[in-house]
Amino acid sequence: MDDLELKRRRAYSNRRSIMDIGMGFIYAGMGGFFLLSQQLGVSIDFPPSPFNYIFGALCLLYGGFRIYRGFRKNYFRP
């Protein structure tokens, strides 16, 4: 692999890693908001209460996965 291709792959990996980490924090924050909305004093009419917690937990899990993938930086298959 030549030097230019290596630089392009490294730049792509860094950009995608930053995007994954940033979006992971956004998803995790949204999940935390949905889980803690009643304690924060915010009433959310949609979705109803049990689905609110399920959606918040799924957002937290997906956000954690995005953050993990951003730190791992394994975007190219060997």
C-alpha atoms as a PDB file:
ATOM      1  CA  MET A   1       0.000   0.000   0.000  1.00  0.00           C
ATOM      2  CA  ASP A   2       1.489   3.335  -0.985  1.00  0.00           C
ATOM      3  CA  ASP A   3       1.942   6.323   1.317  1.00  0.00           C
ATOM      4  CA  LEU A   4      -0.911   8.389  -0.142  1.00  0.00           C
ATOM      5  CA  GLU A   5      -3.423   5.582   0.291  1.00  0.00           C
ATOM      6  CA  LEU A   6      -2.265   5.066   3.886  1.00  0.00           C
ATOM      7  CA  LYS A   7      -2.768   8.777   4.633  1.00  0.00           C
ATOM      8  CA  ARG A   8      -6.250   8.701   3.091  1.00  0.00           C
ATOM      9  CA  ARG A   9      -7.253   5.684   5.153  1.00  0.00           C
ATOM     10  CA  ARG A  10      -5.900   7.240   8.337  1.00  0.00           C
ATOM     11  CA  ALA A  11      -7.741  10.523   7.662  1.00  0.00           C
ATOM     12  CA  TYR A  12     -10.981   8.659   6.905  1.00  0.00           C
ATOM     13  CA  SER A  13     -10.588   6.594  10.057  1.00  0.00           C
ATOM     14  CA  ASN A  14     -10.026   9.693  12.185  1.00  0.00           C
ATOM     15  CA  ARG A  15     -13.038  11.535  10.720  1.00  0.00           C
ATOM     16  CA  ARG A  16     -15.303   8.553  11.170  1.00  0.00           C
ATOM     17  CA  SER A  17     -14.030   7.968  14.694  1.00  0.00           C
ATOM     18  CA  ILE A  18     -14.821  11.557  15.688  1.00  0.00           C
ATOM     19  CA  MET A  19     -18.286  11.250  14.151  1.00  0.00           C
ATOM     20  CA  ASP A  20     -18.960   7.941  15.943  1.00  0.00           C
ATOM     21  CA  ILE A  21     -17.860   9.303  19.312  1.00  0.00           C
ATOM     22  CA  GLY A  22     -19.876  12.503  18.893  1.00  0.00           C
ATOM     23  CA  MET A  23     -23.028  10.719  17.767  1.00  0.00           C
ATOM     24  CA  GLY A  24     -22.549   8.168  20.541  1.00  0.00           C
ATOM     25  CA  PHE A  25     -22.622  10.931  23.147  1.00  0.00           C
ATOM     26  CA  ILE A  26     -25.710  12.438  21.509  1.00  0.00           C
ATOM     27  CA  TYR A  27     -27.544   9.098  21.540  1.00  0.00           C
ATOM     28  CA  ALA A  28     -26.446   8.367  25.110  1.00  0.00           C
ATOM     29  CA  GLY A  29     -27.547  11.832  26.240  1.00  0.00           C
ATOM     30  CA  MET A  30     -30.907  11.383  24.558  1.00  0.00           C
ATOM     31  CA  GLY A  31     -31.306   7.999  26.227  1.00  0.00           C
ATOM     32  CA  GLY A  32     -30.413   9.451  29.600  1.00  0.00           C
ATOM     33  CA  PHE A  33     -32.931  12.236  29.059  1.00  0.00           C
ATOM     34  CA  PHE A  34     -35.702   9.754  28.271  1.00  0.00           C
ATOM     35  CA  LEU A  35     -34.815   7.623  31.290  1.00  0.00           C
ATOM     36  CA  LEU A  36     -34.573  10.559  33.697  1.00  0.00           C
ATOM     37  CA  SER A  37     -37.306  12.793  32.264  1.00  0.00           C
ATOM     38  CA  GLN A  38     -39.664  12.335  35.213  1.00  0.00           C
ATOM     39  CA  GLN A  39     -36.904  13.088  37.737  1.00  0.00           C
ATOM     40  CA  LEU A  40     -35.992  16.213  35.736  1.00  0.00           C
ATOM     41  CA  GLY A  41     -39.593  17.421  35.863  1.00  0.00           C
ATOM     42  CA  VAL A  42     -40.269  17.093  32.133  1.00  0.00           C
ATOM     43  CA  SER A  43     -43.484  15.409  31.080  1.00  0.00           C
ATOM     44  CA  ILE A  44     -43.332  13.555  27.792  1.00  0.00           C
ATOM     45  CA  ASP A  45     -46.688  12.512  26.380  1.00  0.00           C
ATOM     46  CA  PHE A  46     -45.331  10.370  23.592  1.00  0.00           C
ATOM     47  CA  PRO A  47     -44.212   7.567  23.928  1.00  0.00           C
ATOM     48  CA  PRO A  48     -46.095   6.314  26.999  1.00  0.00           C
ATOM     49  CA  SER A  49     -44.178   5.605  30.190  1.00  0.00           C
ATOM     50  CA  PRO A  50     -43.051   1.969  29.727  1.00  0.00           C
ATOM     51  CA  PHE A  51     -41.977   2.588  26.129  1.00  0.00           C
ATOM     52  CA  ASN A  52     -40.215   5.731  27.246  1.00  0.00           C
ATOM     53  CA  TYR A  53     -37.884   3.657  29.436  1.00  0.00           C
ATOM     54  CA  ILE A  54     -37.354   1.009  26.765  1.00  0.00           C
ATOM     55  CA  PHE A  55     -36.481   3.634  24.155  1.00  0.00           C
ATOM     56  CA  GLY A  56     -34.122   5.374  26.591  1.00  0.00           C
ATOM     57  CA  ALA A  57     -32.340   2.111  27.380  1.00  0.00           C
ATOM     58  CA  LEU A  58     -31.971   1.283  23.687  1.00  0.00           C
ATOM     59  CA  CYS A  59     -30.548   4.740  23.013  1.00  0.00           C
ATOM     60  CA  LEU A  60     -28.044   4.291  25.833  1.00  0.00           C
ATOM     61  CA  LEU A  61     -26.963   0.912  24.479  1.00  0.00           C
ATOM     62  CA  TYR A  62     -26.621   2.181  20.927  1.00  0.00           C
ATOM     63  CA  GLY A  63     -24.750   5.267  22.105  1.00  0.00           C
ATOM     64  CA  GLY A  64     -22.341   3.072  24.047  1.00  0.00           C
ATOM     65  CA  PHE A  65     -21.799   0.933  20.976  1.00  0.00           C
ATOM     66  CA  ARG A  66     -21.054   4.003  18.832  1.00  0.00           C
ATOM     67  CA  ILE A  67     -18.563   5.303  21.387  1.00  0.00           C
ATOM     68  CA  TYR A  68     -16.877   1.892  21.567  1.00  0.00           C
ATOM     69  CA  ARG A  69     -16.684   1.664  17.778  1.00  0.00           C
ATOM     70  CA  GLY A  70     -15.208   5.168  17.621  1.00  0.00           C
ATOM     71  CA  PHE A  71     -12.437   4.288  20.044  1.00  0.00           C
ATOM     72  CA  ARG A  72     -11.742   0.938  18.390  1.00  0.00           C
ATOM     73  CA  LYS A  73     -11.245   2.481  14.890  1.00  0.00           C
ATOM     74  CA  ASN A  74     -11.528  -0.820  13.045  1.00  0.00           C
ATOM     75  CA  TYR A  75     -13.187   0.427   9.856  1.00  0.00           C
ATOM     76  CA  PHE A  76     -11.264  -1.490   7.223  1.00  0.00           C
ATOM     77  CA  ARG A  77     -11.414  -5.234   6.860  1.00  0.00           C
ATOM     78  CA  PRO A  78      -8.036  -6.905   6.314  1.00  0.00           C
END
